[in-house]
Amino acid sequence: NKVVQLRRALKQVIGVPDYEVYLARHKVIHPDVPPMGEAEFF
């Protein structure tokens, strides 16, 4: 869990977008629209 948290923090520091966060947010905001694929999101 600590390694996962560290990886997420490092990605935020260098500005890499988080696909899992996008999916969770997209599900709440646009439940009827299919989300982008991972490659399309990046």
PDB file of all heavy atoms in Angstrom:
ATOM      1  N   ASN A   1       0.829  -1.212   0.000  1.00  0.00           N
ATOM      2  CA  ASN A   1       0.000   0.000   0.000  1.00  0.00           C
ATOM      3  C   ASN A   1       0.860   1.257   0.000  1.00  0.00           C
ATOM      4  O   ASN A   1       0.546   2.233  -0.682  1.00  0.00           O
ATOM      5  CB  ASN A   1      -0.953   0.009   1.184  1.00  0.00           C
ATOM      6  CG  ASN A   1      -2.063  -1.008   1.040  1.00  0.00           C
ATOM      7  OD1 ASN A   1      -2.364  -1.473  -0.052  1.00  0.00           O
ATOM      8  ND2 ASN A   1      -2.667  -1.375   2.161  1.00  0.00           N
ATOM      9  N   LYS A   2       1.942   1.236   0.768  1.00  0.00           N
ATOM     10  CA  LYS A   2       2.848   2.393   0.813  1.00  0.00           C
ATOM     11  C   LYS A   2       3.519   2.601  -0.539  1.00  0.00           C
ATOM     12  O   LYS A   2       3.681   3.737  -0.988  1.00  0.00           O
ATOM     13  CB  LYS A   2       3.916   2.213   1.907  1.00  0.00           C
ATOM     14  CG  LYS A   2       3.367   2.266   3.299  1.00  0.00           C
ATOM     15  CD  LYS A   2       2.824   3.642   3.609  1.00  0.00           C
ATOM     16  CE  LYS A   2       2.324   3.701   5.028  1.00  0.00           C
ATOM     17  NZ  LYS A   2       1.637   4.940   5.325  1.00  0.00           N
ATOM     18  N   VAL A   3       3.897   1.519  -1.203  1.00  0.00           N
ATOM     19  CA  VAL A   3       4.524   1.629  -2.518  1.00  0.00           C
ATOM     20  C   VAL A   3       3.534   2.214  -3.525  1.00  0.00           C
ATOM     21  O   VAL A   3       3.892   3.074  -4.334  1.00  0.00           O
ATOM     22  CB  VAL A   3       5.060   0.260  -2.993  1.00  0.00           C
ATOM     23  CG1 VAL A   3       5.484   0.301  -4.451  1.00  0.00           C
ATOM     24  CG2 VAL A   3       6.212  -0.195  -2.111  1.00  0.00           C
ATOM     25  N   VAL A   4       2.287   1.774  -3.472  1.00  0.00           N
ATOM     26  CA  VAL A   4       1.255   2.306  -4.362  1.00  0.00           C
ATOM     27  C   VAL A   4       1.046   3.795  -4.097  1.00  0.00           C
ATOM     28  O   VAL A   4       0.947   4.603  -5.026  1.00  0.00           O
ATOM     29  CB  VAL A   4      -0.065   1.513  -4.204  1.00  0.00           C
ATOM     30  CG1 VAL A   4      -1.216   2.215  -4.890  1.00  0.00           C
ATOM     31  CG2 VAL A   4       0.104   0.103  -4.741  1.00  0.00           C
ATOM     32  N   GLN A   5       1.006   4.189  -2.825  1.00  0.00           N
ATOM     33  CA  GLN A   5       0.839   5.600  -2.471  1.00  0.00           C
ATOM     34  C   GLN A   5       2.034   6.432  -2.945  1.00  0.00           C
ATOM     35  O   GLN A   5       1.862   7.548  -3.457  1.00  0.00           O
ATOM     36  CB  GLN A   5       0.674   5.757  -0.964  1.00  0.00           C
ATOM     37  CG  GLN A   5      -0.641   5.243  -0.435  1.00  0.00           C
ATOM     38  CD  GLN A   5      -0.699   5.269   1.089  1.00  0.00           C
ATOM     39  OE1 GLN A   5       0.266   5.633   1.753  1.00  0.00           O
ATOM     40  NE2 GLN A   5      -1.826   4.866   1.643  1.00  0.00           N
ATOM     41  N   LEU A   6       3.234   5.894  -2.774  1.00  0.00           N
ATOM     42  CA  LEU A   6       4.441   6.599  -3.208  1.00  0.00           C
ATOM     43  C   LEU A   6       4.448   6.768  -4.721  1.00  0.00           C
ATOM     44  O   LEU A   6       4.752   7.849  -5.231  1.00  0.00           O
ATOM     45  CB  LEU A   6       5.691   5.835  -2.762  1.00  0.00           C
ATOM     46  CG  LEU A   6       7.024   6.420  -3.202  1.00  0.00           C
ATOM     47  CD1 LEU A   6       7.223   7.804  -2.600  1.00  0.00           C
ATOM     48  CD2 LEU A   6       8.161   5.493  -2.806  1.00  0.00           C
ATOM     49  N   ARG A   7       4.065   5.734  -5.427  1.00  0.00           N
ATOM     50  CA  ARG A   7       4.002   5.802  -6.895  1.00  0.00           C
ATOM     51  C   ARG A   7       2.992   6.865  -7.333  1.00  0.00           C
ATOM     52  O   ARG A   7       3.268   7.666  -8.225  1.00  0.00           O
ATOM     53  CB  ARG A   7       3.615   4.445  -7.449  1.00  0.00           C
ATOM     54  CG  ARG A   7       3.566   4.391  -8.948  1.00  0.00           C
ATOM     55  CD  ARG A   7       3.346   2.948  -9.410  1.00  0.00           C
ATOM     56  NE  ARG A   7       3.323   2.895 -10.845  1.00  0.00           N
ATOM     57  CZ  ARG A   7       2.227   2.733 -11.566  1.00  0.00           C
ATOM     58  NH1 ARG A   7       1.054   2.595 -10.976  1.00  0.00           N
ATOM     59  NH2 ARG A   7       2.287   2.693 -12.872  1.00  0.00           N
ATOM     60  N   ARG A   8       1.835   6.884  -6.699  1.00  0.00           N
ATOM     61  CA  ARG A   8       0.811   7.878  -7.040  1.00  0.00           C
ATOM     62  C   ARG A   8       1.317   9.299  -6.753  1.00  0.00           C
ATOM     63  O   ARG A   8       1.108  10.213  -7.542  1.00  0.00           O
ATOM     64  CB  ARG A   8      -0.471   7.593  -6.261  1.00  0.00           C
ATOM     65  CG  ARG A   8      -1.610   8.521  -6.639  1.00  0.00           C
ATOM     66  CD  ARG A   8      -2.908   8.122  -5.998  1.00  0.00           C
ATOM     67  NE  ARG A   8      -3.371   6.880  -6.593  1.00  0.00           N
ATOM     68  CZ  ARG A   8      -3.976   5.904  -5.935  1.00  0.00           C
ATOM     69  NH1 ARG A   8      -4.209   6.029  -4.649  1.00  0.00           N
ATOM     70  NH2 ARG A   8      -4.363   4.811  -6.552  1.00  0.00           N
ATOM     71  N   ALA A   9       2.001   9.482  -5.624  1.00  0.00           N
ATOM     72  CA  ALA A   9       2.523  10.805  -5.268  1.00  0.00           C
ATOM     73  C   ALA A   9       3.589  11.254  -6.267  1.00  0.00           C
ATOM     74  O   ALA A   9       3.596  12.423  -6.689  1.00  0.00           O
ATOM     75  CB  ALA A   9       3.099  10.781  -3.854  1.00  0.00           C
ATOM     76  N   LEU A  10       4.477  10.358  -6.652  1.00  0.00           N
ATOM     77  CA  LEU A  10       5.513  10.712  -7.620  1.00  0.00           C
ATOM     78  C   LEU A  10       4.906  11.073  -8.974  1.00  0.00           C
ATOM     79  O   LEU A  10       5.361  12.006  -9.633  1.00  0.00           O
ATOM     80  CB  LEU A  10       6.511   9.557  -7.785  1.00  0.00           C
ATOM     81  CG  LEU A  10       7.463   9.343  -6.623  1.00  0.00           C
ATOM     82  CD1 LEU A  10       8.298   8.082  -6.830  1.00  0.00           C
ATOM     83  CD2 LEU A  10       8.367  10.548  -6.437  1.00  0.00           C
ATOM     84  N   LYS A  11       3.871  10.355  -9.374  1.00  0.00           N
ATOM     85  CA  LYS A  11       3.200  10.670 -10.632  1.00  0.00           C
ATOM     86  C   LYS A  11       2.567  12.059 -10.563  1.00  0.00           C
ATOM     87  O   LYS A  11       2.590  12.807 -11.547  1.00  0.00           O
ATOM     88  CB  LYS A  11       2.145   9.613 -10.951  1.00  0.00           C
ATOM     89  CG  LYS A  11       2.754   8.301 -11.423  1.00  0.00           C
ATOM     90  CD  LYS A  11       1.738   7.203 -11.537  1.00  0.00           C
ATOM     91  CE  LYS A  11       0.820   7.395 -12.708  1.00  0.00           C
ATOM     92  NZ  LYS A  11      -0.092   6.265 -12.914  1.00  0.00           N
ATOM     93  N   GLN A  12       2.023  12.436  -9.414  1.00  0.00           N
ATOM     94  CA  GLN A  12       1.427  13.759  -9.266  1.00  0.00           C
ATOM     95  C   GLN A  12       2.499  14.844  -9.317  1.00  0.00           C
ATOM     96  O   GLN A  12       2.289  15.904  -9.901  1.00  0.00           O
ATOM     97  CB  GLN A  12       0.648  13.862  -7.963  1.00  0.00           C
ATOM     98  CG  GLN A  12      -0.655  13.106  -7.991  1.00  0.00           C
ATOM     99  CD  GLN A  12      -1.391  13.202  -6.653  1.00  0.00           C
ATOM    100  OE1 GLN A  12      -0.829  13.591  -5.638  1.00  0.00           O
ATOM    101  NE2 GLN A  12      -2.659  12.826  -6.668  1.00  0.00           N
ATOM    102  N   VAL A  13       3.645  14.571  -8.705  1.00  0.00           N
ATOM    103  CA  VAL A  13       4.725  15.556  -8.676  1.00  0.00           C
ATOM    104  C   VAL A  13       5.232  15.853 -10.084  1.00  0.00           C
ATOM    105  O   VAL A  13       5.465  17.010 -10.437  1.00  0.00           O
ATOM    106  CB  VAL A  13       5.887  15.071  -7.776  1.00  0.00           C
ATOM    107  CG1 VAL A  13       7.134  15.900  -7.974  1.00  0.00           C
ATOM    108  CG2 VAL A  13       5.466  15.096  -6.314  1.00  0.00           C
ATOM    109  N   ILE A  14       5.379  14.819 -10.907  1.00  0.00           N
ATOM    110  CA  ILE A  14       5.905  15.044 -12.250  1.00  0.00           C
ATOM    111  C   ILE A  14       4.807  15.346 -13.266  1.00  0.00           C
ATOM    112  O   ILE A  14       5.079  15.602 -14.427  1.00  0.00           O
ATOM    113  CB  ILE A  14       6.767  13.866 -12.736  1.00  0.00           C
ATOM    114  CG1 ILE A  14       5.960  12.573 -12.812  1.00  0.00           C
ATOM    115  CG2 ILE A  14       7.979  13.709 -11.863  1.00  0.00           C
ATOM    116  CD1 ILE A  14       6.720  11.417 -13.433  1.00  0.00           C
ATOM    117  N   GLY A  15       3.546  15.316 -12.838  1.00  0.00           N
ATOM    118  CA  GLY A  15       2.453  15.734 -13.699  1.00  0.00           C
ATOM    119  C   GLY A  15       1.838  14.660 -14.566  1.00  0.00           C
ATOM    120  O   GLY A  15       1.216  14.961 -15.569  1.00  0.00           O
ATOM    121  N   VAL A  16       2.005  13.395 -14.207  1.00  0.00           N
ATOM    122  CA  VAL A  16       1.402  12.309 -14.969  1.00  0.00           C
ATOM    123  C   VAL A  16      -0.053  12.171 -14.527  1.00  0.00           C
ATOM    124  O   VAL A  16      -0.337  12.065 -13.340  1.00  0.00           O
ATOM    125  CB  VAL A  16       2.156  10.978 -14.731  1.00  0.00           C
ATOM    126  CG1 VAL A  16       1.467   9.829 -15.428  1.00  0.00           C
ATOM    127  CG2 VAL A  16       3.592  11.097 -15.182  1.00  0.00           C
ATOM    128  N   PRO A  17      -0.993  12.190 -15.474  1.00  0.00           N
ATOM    129  CA  PRO A  17      -2.409  12.076 -15.103  1.00  0.00           C
ATOM    130  C   PRO A  17      -2.728  10.679 -14.565  1.00  0.00           C
ATOM    131  O   PRO A  17      -2.096   9.696 -14.950  1.00  0.00           O
ATOM    132  CB  PRO A  17      -3.144  12.348 -16.411  1.00  0.00           C
ATOM    133  CG  PRO A  17      -2.160  12.067 -17.484  1.00  0.00           C
ATOM    134  CD  PRO A  17      -0.806  12.339 -16.906  1.00  0.00           C
ATOM    135  N   ASP A  18      -3.684  10.598 -13.663  1.00  0.00           N
ATOM    136  CA  ASP A  18      -4.061   9.342 -13.019  1.00  0.00           C
ATOM    137  C   ASP A  18      -5.339   8.796 -13.652  1.00  0.00           C
ATOM    138  O   ASP A  18      -6.417   9.356 -13.470  1.00  0.00           O
ATOM    139  CB  ASP A  18      -4.256   9.577 -11.519  1.00  0.00           C
ATOM    140  CG  ASP A  18      -4.301   8.290 -10.729  1.00  0.00           C
ATOM    141  OD1 ASP A  18      -4.517   7.216 -11.334  1.00  0.00           O
ATOM    142  OD2 ASP A  18      -4.125   8.355  -9.510  1.00  0.00           O
ATOM    143  N   TYR A  19      -5.213   7.711 -14.394  1.00  0.00           N
ATOM    144  CA  TYR A  19      -6.343   7.139 -15.121  1.00  0.00           C
ATOM    145  C   TYR A  19      -7.413   6.608 -14.173  1.00  0.00           C
ATOM    146  O   TYR A  19      -8.606   6.742 -14.438  1.00  0.00           O
ATOM    147  CB  TYR A  19      -5.850   6.034 -16.051  1.00  0.00           C
ATOM    148  CG  TYR A  19      -6.925   5.446 -16.925  1.00  0.00           C
ATOM    149  CD1 TYR A  19      -7.541   6.212 -17.916  1.00  0.00           C
ATOM    150  CD2 TYR A  19      -7.330   4.132 -16.778  1.00  0.00           C
ATOM    151  CE1 TYR A  19      -8.527   5.688 -18.726  1.00  0.00           C
ATOM    152  CE2 TYR A  19      -8.321   3.594 -17.581  1.00  0.00           C
ATOM    153  CZ  TYR A  19      -8.911   4.373 -18.554  1.00  0.00           C
ATOM    154  OH  TYR A  19      -9.898   3.840 -19.352  1.00  0.00           O
ATOM    155  N   GLU A  20      -7.014   6.015 -13.047  1.00  0.00           N
ATOM    156  CA  GLU A  20      -7.986   5.479 -12.096  1.00  0.00           C
ATOM    157  C   GLU A  20      -8.847   6.586 -11.498  1.00  0.00           C
ATOM    158  O   GLU A  20     -10.047   6.417 -11.304  1.00  0.00           O
ATOM    159  CB  GLU A  20      -7.290   4.680 -10.986  1.00  0.00           C
ATOM    160  CG  GLU A  20      -6.686   3.371 -11.445  1.00  0.00           C
ATOM    161  CD  GLU A  20      -5.360   3.542 -12.153  1.00  0.00           C
ATOM    162  OE1 GLU A  20      -4.680   4.575 -11.932  1.00  0.00           O
ATOM    163  OE2 GLU A  20      -5.012   2.661 -12.948  1.00  0.00           O
ATOM    164  N   VAL A  21      -8.235   7.726 -11.215  1.00  0.00           N
ATOM    165  CA  VAL A  21      -8.989   8.878 -10.694  1.00  0.00           C
ATOM    166  C   VAL A  21      -9.968   9.368 -11.758  1.00  0.00           C
ATOM    167  O   VAL A  21     -11.121   9.683 -11.464  1.00  0.00           O
ATOM    168  CB  VAL A  21      -8.039  10.005 -10.247  1.00  0.00           C
ATOM    169  CG1 VAL A  21      -8.802  11.277  -9.927  1.00  0.00           C
ATOM    170  CG2 VAL A  21      -7.218   9.565  -9.053  1.00  0.00           C
ATOM    171  N   TYR A  22      -9.502   9.412 -13.006  1.00  0.00           N
ATOM    172  CA  TYR A  22     -10.389   9.809 -14.103  1.00  0.00           C
ATOM    173  C   TYR A  22     -11.593   8.884 -14.191  1.00  0.00           C
ATOM    174  O   TYR A  22     -12.734   9.336 -14.336  1.00  0.00           O
ATOM    175  CB  TYR A  22      -9.617   9.812 -15.430  1.00  0.00           C
ATOM    176  CG  TYR A  22     -10.516   9.721 -16.637  1.00  0.00           C
ATOM    177  CD1 TYR A  22     -11.277  10.805 -17.054  1.00  0.00           C
ATOM    178  CD2 TYR A  22     -10.623   8.532 -17.364  1.00  0.00           C
ATOM    179  CE1 TYR A  22     -12.118  10.716 -18.150  1.00  0.00           C
ATOM    180  CE2 TYR A  22     -11.458   8.435 -18.462  1.00  0.00           C
ATOM    181  CZ  TYR A  22     -12.201   9.531 -18.848  1.00  0.00           C
ATOM    182  OH  TYR A  22     -13.042   9.429 -19.928  1.00  0.00           O
ATOM    183  N   LEU A  23     -11.364   7.571 -14.125  1.00  0.00           N
ATOM    184  CA  LEU A  23     -12.470   6.615 -14.230  1.00  0.00           C
ATOM    185  C   LEU A  23     -13.489   6.810 -13.111  1.00  0.00           C
ATOM    186  O   LEU A  23     -14.696   6.798 -13.352  1.00  0.00           O
ATOM    187  CB  LEU A  23     -11.940   5.183 -14.218  1.00  0.00           C
ATOM    188  CG  LEU A  23     -11.226   4.719 -15.474  1.00  0.00           C
ATOM    189  CD1 LEU A  23     -10.687   3.302 -15.271  1.00  0.00           C
ATOM    190  CD2 LEU A  23     -12.126   4.796 -16.682  1.00  0.00           C
ATOM    191  N   ALA A  24     -12.997   6.980 -11.879  1.00  0.00           N
ATOM    192  CA  ALA A  24     -13.905   7.164 -10.747  1.00  0.00           C
ATOM    193  C   ALA A  24     -14.714   8.455 -10.906  1.00  0.00           C
ATOM    194  O   ALA A  24     -15.931   8.465 -10.681  1.00  0.00           O
ATOM    195  CB  ALA A  24     -13.113   7.181  -9.444  1.00  0.00           C
ATOM    196  N   ARG A  25     -14.055   9.517 -11.296  1.00  0.00           N
ATOM    197  CA  ARG A  25     -14.743  10.796 -11.458  1.00  0.00           C
ATOM    198  C   ARG A  25     -15.726  10.747 -12.628  1.00  0.00           C
ATOM    199  O   ARG A  25     -16.839  11.259 -12.538  1.00  0.00           O
ATOM    200  CB  ARG A  25     -13.705  11.899 -11.671  1.00  0.00           C
ATOM    201  CG  ARG A  25     -14.271  13.265 -11.759  1.00  0.00           C
ATOM    202  CD  ARG A  25     -13.139  14.273 -11.878  1.00  0.00           C
ATOM    203  NE  ARG A  25     -13.635  15.545 -12.338  1.00  0.00           N
ATOM    204  CZ  ARG A  25     -13.917  16.573 -11.541  1.00  0.00           C
ATOM    205  NH1 ARG A  25     -13.733  16.457 -10.251  1.00  0.00           N
ATOM    206  NH2 ARG A  25     -14.356  17.690 -12.038  1.00  0.00           N
ATOM    207  N   HIS A  26     -15.322  10.117 -13.712  1.00  0.00           N
ATOM    208  CA  HIS A  26     -16.179  10.007 -14.892  1.00  0.00           C
ATOM    209  C   HIS A  26     -17.443   9.211 -14.573  1.00  0.00           C
ATOM    210  O   HIS A  26     -18.538   9.553 -15.027  1.00  0.00           O
ATOM    211  CB  HIS A  26     -15.411   9.346 -16.039  1.00  0.00           C
ATOM    212  CG  HIS A  26     -16.149   9.354 -17.324  1.00  0.00           C
ATOM    213  ND1 HIS A  26     -17.066   8.392 -17.660  1.00  0.00           N
ATOM    214  CD2 HIS A  26     -16.124  10.220 -18.365  1.00  0.00           C
ATOM    215  CE1 HIS A  26     -17.566   8.663 -18.847  1.00  0.00           C
ATOM    216  NE2 HIS A  26     -17.008   9.769 -19.300  1.00  0.00           N
ATOM    217  N   LYS A  27     -17.295   8.171 -13.781  1.00  0.00           N
ATOM    218  CA  LYS A  27     -18.443   7.341 -13.394  1.00  0.00           C
ATOM    219  C   LYS A  27     -19.476   8.148 -12.612  1.00  0.00           C
ATOM    220  O   LYS A  27     -20.678   7.956 -12.764  1.00  0.00           O
ATOM    221  CB  LYS A  27     -17.962   6.149 -12.571  1.00  0.00           C
ATOM    222  CG  LYS A  27     -19.024   5.157 -12.250  1.00  0.00           C
ATOM    223  CD  LYS A  27     -18.435   3.967 -11.509  1.00  0.00           C
ATOM    224  CE  LYS A  27     -19.496   2.940 -11.206  1.00  0.00           C
ATOM    225  NZ  LYS A  27     -18.946   1.776 -10.520  1.00  0.00           N
ATOM    226  N   VAL A  28     -19.006   9.072 -11.779  1.00  0.00           N
ATOM    227  CA  VAL A  28     -19.905   9.896 -10.974  1.00  0.00           C
ATOM    228  C   VAL A  28     -20.552  11.004 -11.819  1.00  0.00           C
ATOM    229  O   VAL A  28     -21.756  11.228 -11.735  1.00  0.00           O
ATOM    230  CB  VAL A  28     -19.141  10.523  -9.784  1.00  0.00           C
ATOM    231  CG1 VAL A  28     -19.978  11.562  -9.070  1.00  0.00           C
ATOM    232  CG2 VAL A  28     -18.695   9.436  -8.819  1.00  0.00           C
ATOM    233  N   ILE A  29     -19.747  11.667 -12.643  1.00  0.00           N
ATOM    234  CA  ILE A  29     -20.233  12.826 -13.388  1.00  0.00           C
ATOM    235  C   ILE A  29     -21.012  12.435 -14.643  1.00  0.00           C
ATOM    236  O   ILE A  29     -22.031  13.037 -14.956  1.00  0.00           O
ATOM    237  CB  ILE A  29     -19.053  13.749 -13.749  1.00  0.00           C
ATOM    238  CG1 ILE A  29     -18.435  14.303 -12.469  1.00  0.00           C
ATOM    239  CG2 ILE A  29     -19.510  14.897 -14.646  1.00  0.00           C
ATOM    240  CD1 ILE A  29     -17.166  15.080 -12.679  1.00  0.00           C
ATOM    241  N   HIS A  30     -20.519  11.432 -15.362  1.00  0.00           N
ATOM    242  CA  HIS A  30     -21.131  11.023 -16.635  1.00  0.00           C
ATOM    243  C   HIS A  30     -21.403   9.518 -16.640  1.00  0.00           C
ATOM    244  O   HIS A  30     -20.773   8.775 -17.392  1.00  0.00           O
ATOM    245  CB  HIS A  30     -20.206  11.360 -17.811  1.00  0.00           C
ATOM    246  CG  HIS A  30     -19.765  12.781 -17.870  1.00  0.00           C
ATOM    247  ND1 HIS A  30     -20.621  13.800 -18.219  1.00  0.00           N
ATOM    248  CD2 HIS A  30     -18.569  13.363 -17.630  1.00  0.00           C
ATOM    249  CE1 HIS A  30     -19.959  14.947 -18.194  1.00  0.00           C
ATOM    250  NE2 HIS A  30     -18.714  14.708 -17.829  1.00  0.00           N
ATOM    251  N   PRO A  31     -22.329   9.037 -15.829  1.00  0.00           N
ATOM    252  CA  PRO A  31     -22.538   7.587 -15.739  1.00  0.00           C
ATOM    253  C   PRO A  31     -23.072   6.955 -17.023  1.00  0.00           C
ATOM    254  O   PRO A  31     -22.873   5.765 -17.250  1.00  0.00           O
ATOM    255  CB  PRO A  31     -23.543   7.434 -14.604  1.00  0.00           C
ATOM    256  CG  PRO A  31     -24.230   8.748 -14.513  1.00  0.00           C
ATOM    257  CD  PRO A  31     -23.240   9.769 -14.960  1.00  0.00           C
ATOM    258  N   ASP A  32     -23.706   7.741 -17.880  1.00  0.00           N
ATOM    259  CA  ASP A  32     -24.304   7.187 -19.097  1.00  0.00           C
ATOM    260  C   ASP A  32     -23.368   7.243 -20.310  1.00  0.00           C
ATOM    261  O   ASP A  32     -23.693   6.702 -21.358  1.00  0.00           O
ATOM    262  CB  ASP A  32     -25.603   7.921 -19.426  1.00  0.00           C
ATOM    263  CG  ASP A  32     -25.413   9.421 -19.523  1.00  0.00           C
ATOM    264  OD1 ASP A  32     -24.469   9.942 -18.904  1.00  0.00           O
ATOM    265  OD2 ASP A  32     -26.219  10.084 -20.206  1.00  0.00           O
ATOM    266  N   VAL A  33     -22.201   7.860 -20.179  1.00  0.00           N
ATOM    267  CA  VAL A  33     -21.252   7.994 -21.279  1.00  0.00           C
ATOM    268  C   VAL A  33     -20.067   7.059 -21.026  1.00  0.00           C
ATOM    269  O   VAL A  33     -19.501   7.067 -19.931  1.00  0.00           O
ATOM    270  CB  VAL A  33     -20.745   9.460 -21.382  1.00  0.00           C
ATOM    271  CG1 VAL A  33     -19.729   9.605 -22.486  1.00  0.00           C
ATOM    272  CG2 VAL A  33     -21.908  10.412 -21.556  1.00  0.00           C
ATOM    273  N   PRO A  34     -19.677   6.246 -22.028  1.00  0.00           N
ATOM    274  CA  PRO A  34     -18.523   5.365 -21.814  1.00  0.00           C
ATOM    275  C   PRO A  34     -17.234   6.178 -21.677  1.00  0.00           C
ATOM    276  O   PRO A  34     -17.046   7.168 -22.398  1.00  0.00           O
ATOM    277  CB  PRO A  34     -18.486   4.489 -23.065  1.00  0.00           C
ATOM    278  CG  PRO A  34     -19.317   5.171 -24.070  1.00  0.00           C
ATOM    279  CD  PRO A  34     -20.284   6.060 -23.338  1.00  0.00           C
ATOM    280  N   PRO A  35     -16.347   5.803 -20.764  1.00  0.00           N
ATOM    281  CA  PRO A  35     -15.104   6.554 -20.567  1.00  0.00           C
ATOM    282  C   PRO A  35     -14.111   6.299 -21.698  1.00  0.00           C
ATOM    283  O   PRO A  35     -14.227   5.330 -22.446  1.00  0.00           O
ATOM    284  CB  PRO A  35     -14.564   6.016 -19.238  1.00  0.00           C
ATOM    285  CG  PRO A  35     -15.116   4.646 -19.150  1.00  0.00           C
ATOM    286  CD  PRO A  35     -16.464   4.696 -19.817  1.00  0.00           C
ATOM    287  N   MET A  36     -13.126   7.167 -21.802  1.00  0.00           N
ATOM    288  CA  MET A  36     -12.048   6.986 -22.773  1.00  0.00           C
ATOM    289  C   MET A  36     -11.223   5.777 -22.372  1.00  0.00           C
ATOM    290  O   MET A  36     -11.120   5.454 -21.179  1.00  0.00           O
ATOM    291  CB  MET A  36     -11.117   8.203 -22.775  1.00  0.00           C
ATOM    292  CG  MET A  36     -11.697   9.455 -23.343  1.00  0.00           C
ATOM    293  SD  MET A  36     -10.468  10.781 -23.413  1.00  0.00           S
ATOM    294  CE  MET A  36     -10.772  11.585 -21.845  1.00  0.00           C
ATOM    295  N   GLY A  37     -10.607   5.167 -23.341  1.00  0.00           N
ATOM    296  CA  GLY A  37      -9.651   4.109 -23.053  1.00  0.00           C
ATOM    297  C   GLY A  37      -8.397   4.719 -22.444  1.00  0.00           C
ATOM    298  O   GLY A  37      -8.187   5.942 -22.503  1.00  0.00           O
ATOM    299  N   GLU A  38      -7.543   3.889 -21.876  1.00  0.00           N
ATOM    300  CA  GLU A  38      -6.357   4.409 -21.196  1.00  0.00           C
ATOM    301  C   GLU A  38      -5.433   5.159 -22.158  1.00  0.00           C
ATOM    302  O   GLU A  38      -4.957   6.256 -21.845  1.00  0.00           O
ATOM    303  CB  GLU A  38      -5.606   3.268 -20.511  1.00  0.00           C
ATOM    304  CG  GLU A  38      -4.546   3.738 -19.561  1.00  0.00           C
ATOM    305  CD  GLU A  38      -4.014   2.633 -18.680  1.00  0.00           C
ATOM    306  OE1 GLU A  38      -4.432   1.473 -18.809  1.00  0.00           O
ATOM    307  OE2 GLU A  38      -3.153   2.943 -17.836  1.00  0.00           O
ATOM    308  N   ALA A  39      -5.185   4.594 -23.340  1.00  0.00           N
ATOM    309  CA  ALA A  39      -4.306   5.259 -24.310  1.00  0.00           C
ATOM    310  C   ALA A  39      -4.920   6.579 -24.772  1.00  0.00           C
ATOM    311  O   ALA A  39      -4.222   7.599 -24.881  1.00  0.00           O
ATOM    312  CB  ALA A  39      -4.044   4.337 -25.496  1.00  0.00           C
ATOM    313  N   GLU A  40      -6.212   6.575 -25.028  1.00  0.00           N
ATOM    314  CA  GLU A  40      -6.899   7.793 -25.457  1.00  0.00           C
ATOM    315  C   GLU A  40      -6.861   8.862 -24.362  1.00  0.00           C
ATOM    316  O   GLU A  40      -6.656  10.052 -24.634  1.00  0.00           O
ATOM    317  CB  GLU A  40      -8.348   7.454 -25.814  1.00  0.00           C
ATOM    318  CG  GLU A  40      -9.134   8.611 -26.359  1.00  0.00           C
ATOM    319  CD  GLU A  40     -10.582   8.235 -26.650  1.00  0.00           C
ATOM    320  OE1 GLU A  40     -11.008   7.101 -26.347  1.00  0.00           O
ATOM    321  OE2 GLU A  40     -11.294   9.108 -27.173  1.00  0.00           O
ATOM    322  N   PHE A  41      -7.015   8.432 -23.102  1.00  0.00           N
ATOM    323  CA  PHE A  41      -6.961   9.361 -21.970  1.00  0.00           C
ATOM    324  C   PHE A  41      -5.597  10.031 -21.871  1.00  0.00           C
ATOM    325  O   PHE A  41      -5.501  11.254 -21.709  1.00  0.00           O
ATOM    326  CB  PHE A  41      -7.278   8.628 -20.667  1.00  0.00           C
ATOM    327  CG  PHE A  41      -6.976   9.424 -19.435  1.00  0.00           C
ATOM    328  CD1 PHE A  41      -7.799  10.468 -19.046  1.00  0.00           C
ATOM    329  CD2 PHE A  41      -5.864   9.141 -18.666  1.00  0.00           C
ATOM    330  CE1 PHE A  41      -7.521  11.218 -17.906  1.00  0.00           C
ATOM    331  CE2 PHE A  41      -5.583   9.877 -17.527  1.00  0.00           C
ATOM    332  CZ  PHE A  41      -6.411  10.913 -17.155  1.00  0.00           C
ATOM    333  N   PHE A  42      -4.516   9.250 -21.988  1.00  0.00           N
ATOM    334  CA  PHE A  42      -3.180   9.834 -21.871  1.00  0.00           C
ATOM    335  C   PHE A  42      -2.882  10.759 -23.047  1.00  0.00           C
ATOM    336  O   PHE A  42      -2.267  11.810 -22.879  1.00  0.00           O
ATOM    337  CB  PHE A  42      -2.117   8.749 -21.727  1.00  0.00           C
ATOM    338  CG  PHE A  42      -2.059   8.190 -20.338  1.00  0.00           C
ATOM    339  CD1 PHE A  42      -2.491   6.908 -20.069  1.00  0.00           C
ATOM    340  CD2 PHE A  42      -1.607   8.955 -19.279  1.00  0.00           C
ATOM    341  CE1 PHE A  42      -2.466   6.394 -18.792  1.00  0.00           C
ATOM    342  CE2 PHE A  42      -1.584   8.456 -17.984  1.00  0.00           C
ATOM    343  CZ  PHE A  42      -2.005   7.174 -17.736  1.00  0.00           C
TER     344      PHE A  42
END
